[in-house]
Amino acid sequence: MKFPSQVNLQPFTYQIIQANSIQQQEFCWAVTINKDFSIVAAGCNKLIKFYKFQQGMLKLNPVLNQHQSELVTLNFMKQQNYLISGDQGYILIWQYNNNT
């Protein structure tokens, strides 16, 4: 039996693509991506920012501002276009629509 420390791992590298990166002015504690990898949601303080992810680029879409305190978690459901967001007092469920 091999233990994890004995497994031969293949080396890998990542490269930051500066031209496609976005700098946030707020603290972003939670980030999630939907099931088809087309939408990225970021929890920045009390805001949920939606970005369309196409051809390696992020484009800001509408921002949601319904939370009373800082977001601590965001998750897209795997089977449906729902987003679950949680802050220090509430859990909200959002239905994502491509147009709104």
C-alpha atoms as a PDB file:
ATOM      1  CA  MET A   1       0.000   0.000   0.000  1.00  0.00           C
ATOM      2  CA  LYS A   2       1.327   3.416  -0.947  1.00  0.00           C
ATOM      3  CA  PHE A   3       0.785   6.407   1.292  1.00  0.00           C
ATOM      4  CA  PRO A   4       0.205   9.867  -0.248  1.00  0.00           C
ATOM      5  CA  SER A   5       3.763  10.934   0.535  1.00  0.00           C
ATOM      6  CA  GLN A   6       5.081   7.961  -1.466  1.00  0.00           C
ATOM      7  CA  VAL A   7       3.086   8.627  -4.656  1.00  0.00           C
ATOM      8  CA  ASN A   8       5.140   9.990  -7.548  1.00  0.00           C
ATOM      9  CA  LEU A   9       3.514  13.281  -8.503  1.00  0.00           C
ATOM     10  CA  GLN A  10       4.098  14.826 -11.898  1.00  0.00           C
ATOM     11  CA  PRO A  11       5.392  18.409 -11.803  1.00  0.00           C
ATOM     12  CA  PHE A  12       3.116  21.112 -13.156  1.00  0.00           C
ATOM     13  CA  THR A  13       3.133  24.864 -13.511  1.00  0.00           C
ATOM     14  CA  TYR A  14       0.564  27.625 -13.798  1.00  0.00           C
ATOM     15  CA  GLN A  15       1.002  30.994 -15.417  1.00  0.00           C
ATOM     16  CA  ILE A  16      -1.005  34.084 -14.496  1.00  0.00           C
ATOM     17  CA  ILE A  17      -2.461  35.779 -17.551  1.00  0.00           C
ATOM     18  CA  GLN A  18      -2.181  39.407 -16.430  1.00  0.00           C
ATOM     19  CA  ALA A  19      -4.153  40.813 -19.376  1.00  0.00           C
ATOM     20  CA  ASN A  20      -7.174  38.652 -18.434  1.00  0.00           C
ATOM     21  CA  SER A  21      -7.007  39.172 -14.657  1.00  0.00           C
ATOM     22  CA  ILE A  22      -9.222  41.577 -12.723  1.00  0.00           C
ATOM     23  CA  GLN A  23      -8.128  43.495  -9.649  1.00  0.00           C
ATOM     24  CA  GLN A  24     -10.854  43.965  -7.029  1.00  0.00           C
ATOM     25  CA  GLN A  25     -11.080  47.025  -4.801  1.00  0.00           C
ATOM     26  CA  GLU A  26     -13.017  45.063  -2.158  1.00  0.00           C
ATOM     27  CA  PHE A  27     -12.118  41.933  -0.227  1.00  0.00           C
ATOM     28  CA  CYS A  28     -13.445  38.886  -2.078  1.00  0.00           C
ATOM     29  CA  TRP A  29     -13.961  35.985   0.318  1.00  0.00           C
ATOM     30  CA  ALA A  30     -15.788  33.595  -2.003  1.00  0.00           C
ATOM     31  CA  VAL A  31     -15.556  32.716  -5.700  1.00  0.00           C
ATOM     32  CA  THR A  32     -17.495  30.080  -7.653  1.00  0.00           C
ATOM     33  CA  ILE A  33     -17.986  29.063 -11.283  1.00  0.00           C
ATOM     34  CA  ASN A  34     -21.134  27.562 -12.809  1.00  0.00           C
ATOM     35  CA  LYS A  35     -21.530  24.083 -14.299  1.00  0.00           C
ATOM     36  CA  ASP A  36     -20.639  25.043 -17.888  1.00  0.00           C
ATOM     37  CA  PHE A  37     -17.753  27.341 -16.845  1.00  0.00           C
ATOM     38  CA  SER A  38     -19.366  30.421 -18.412  1.00  0.00           C
ATOM     39  CA  ILE A  39     -20.161  32.479 -15.280  1.00  0.00           C
ATOM     40  CA  VAL A  40     -17.880  33.375 -12.386  1.00  0.00           C
ATOM     41  CA  ALA A  41     -19.466  34.822  -9.229  1.00  0.00           C
ATOM     42  CA  ALA A  42     -17.363  36.645  -6.641  1.00  0.00           C
ATOM     43  CA  GLY A  43     -18.532  37.581  -3.147  1.00  0.00           C
ATOM     44  CA  CYS A  44     -16.962  40.983  -2.490  1.00  0.00           C
ATOM     45  CA  ASN A  45     -17.953  42.366   0.907  1.00  0.00           C
ATOM     46  CA  LYS A  46     -21.792  42.486   0.684  1.00  0.00           C
ATOM     47  CA  LEU A  47     -21.904  42.346  -3.131  1.00  0.00           C
ATOM     48  CA  ILE A  48     -22.146  39.430  -5.547  1.00  0.00           C
ATOM     49  CA  LYS A  49     -20.359  40.288  -8.772  1.00  0.00           C
ATOM     50  CA  PHE A  50     -21.093  38.211 -11.865  1.00  0.00           C
ATOM     51  CA  TYR A  51     -18.577  37.862 -14.669  1.00  0.00           C
ATOM     52  CA  LYS A  52     -19.086  36.214 -18.034  1.00  0.00           C
ATOM     53  CA  PHE A  53     -16.098  33.984 -18.744  1.00  0.00           C
ATOM     54  CA  GLN A  54     -15.495  33.699 -22.497  1.00  0.00           C
ATOM     55  CA  GLN A  55     -12.286  32.948 -24.372  1.00  0.00           C
ATOM     56  CA  GLY A  56     -10.242  33.418 -21.212  1.00  0.00           C
ATOM     57  CA  MET A  57     -11.637  36.904 -20.513  1.00  0.00           C
ATOM     58  CA  LEU A  58     -13.855  38.062 -17.624  1.00  0.00           C
ATOM     59  CA  LYS A  59     -16.552  40.670 -18.340  1.00  0.00           C
ATOM     60  CA  LEU A  60     -18.493  42.215 -15.432  1.00  0.00           C
ATOM     61  CA  ASN A  61     -22.272  41.716 -15.512  1.00  0.00           C
ATOM     62  CA  PRO A  62     -24.903  42.989 -13.048  1.00  0.00           C
ATOM     63  CA  VAL A  63     -24.009  43.163  -9.357  1.00  0.00           C
ATOM     64  CA  LEU A  64     -26.384  41.901  -6.633  1.00  0.00           C
ATOM     65  CA  ASN A  65     -26.653  43.853  -3.401  1.00  0.00           C
ATOM     66  CA  GLN A  66     -29.107  42.047  -1.094  1.00  0.00           C
ATOM     67  CA  HIS A  67     -26.896  40.857   1.770  1.00  0.00           C
ATOM     68  CA  GLN A  68     -26.787  42.719   5.081  1.00  0.00           C
ATOM     69  CA  SER A  69     -23.288  41.557   6.031  1.00  0.00           C
ATOM     70  CA  GLU A  70     -20.156  40.264   4.314  1.00  0.00           C
ATOM     71  CA  LEU A  71     -20.553  37.177   2.148  1.00  0.00           C
ATOM     72  CA  VAL A  72     -18.733  34.104   3.349  1.00  0.00           C
ATOM     73  CA  THR A  73     -19.813  31.491   0.795  1.00  0.00           C
ATOM     74  CA  LEU A  74     -21.045  31.198  -2.802  1.00  0.00           C
ATOM     75  CA  ASN A  75     -21.902  27.995  -4.659  1.00  0.00           C
ATOM     76  CA  PHE A  76     -23.624  27.223  -7.944  1.00  0.00           C
ATOM     77  CA  MET A  77     -25.814  24.122  -7.892  1.00  0.00           C
ATOM     78  CA  LYS A  78     -24.571  21.423 -10.233  1.00  0.00           C
ATOM     79  CA  GLN A  79     -27.901  20.475 -11.864  1.00  0.00           C
ATOM     80  CA  GLN A  80     -29.712  23.808 -12.118  1.00  0.00           C
ATOM     81  CA  ASN A  81     -28.924  27.501 -12.591  1.00  0.00           C
ATOM     82  CA  TYR A  82     -29.229  28.377  -8.916  1.00  0.00           C
ATOM     83  CA  LEU A  83     -26.663  30.207  -6.824  1.00  0.00           C
ATOM     84  CA  ILE A  84     -26.557  29.872  -3.043  1.00  0.00           C
ATOM     85  CA  SER A  85     -25.021  32.764  -1.130  1.00  0.00           C
ATOM     86  CA  GLY A  86     -24.442  33.023   2.575  1.00  0.00           C
ATOM     87  CA  ASP A  87     -23.474  35.814   4.921  1.00  0.00           C
ATOM     88  CA  GLN A  88     -23.245  35.933   8.702  1.00  0.00           C
ATOM     89  CA  GLY A  89     -27.026  35.771   9.128  1.00  0.00           C
ATOM     90  CA  TYR A  90     -28.741  34.681   5.901  1.00  0.00           C
ATOM     91  CA  ILE A  91     -28.621  32.023   3.217  1.00  0.00           C
ATOM     92  CA  LEU A  92     -30.129  33.237  -0.069  1.00  0.00           C
ATOM     93  CA  ILE A  93     -30.974  31.195  -3.159  1.00  0.00           C
ATOM     94  CA  TRP A  94     -30.835  32.953  -6.511  1.00  0.00           C
ATOM     95  CA  GLN A  95     -32.115  31.708  -9.852  1.00  0.00           C
ATOM     96  CA  TYR A  96     -29.713  32.673 -12.612  1.00  0.00           C
ATOM     97  CA  ASN A  97     -31.234  33.810 -15.903  1.00  0.00           C
ATOM     98  CA  ASN A  98     -28.978  34.621 -18.874  1.00  0.00           C
ATOM     99  CA  ASN A  99     -30.855  37.874 -19.499  1.00  0.00           C
ATOM    100  CA  THR A 100     -31.057  39.202 -15.937  1.00  0.00           C
END
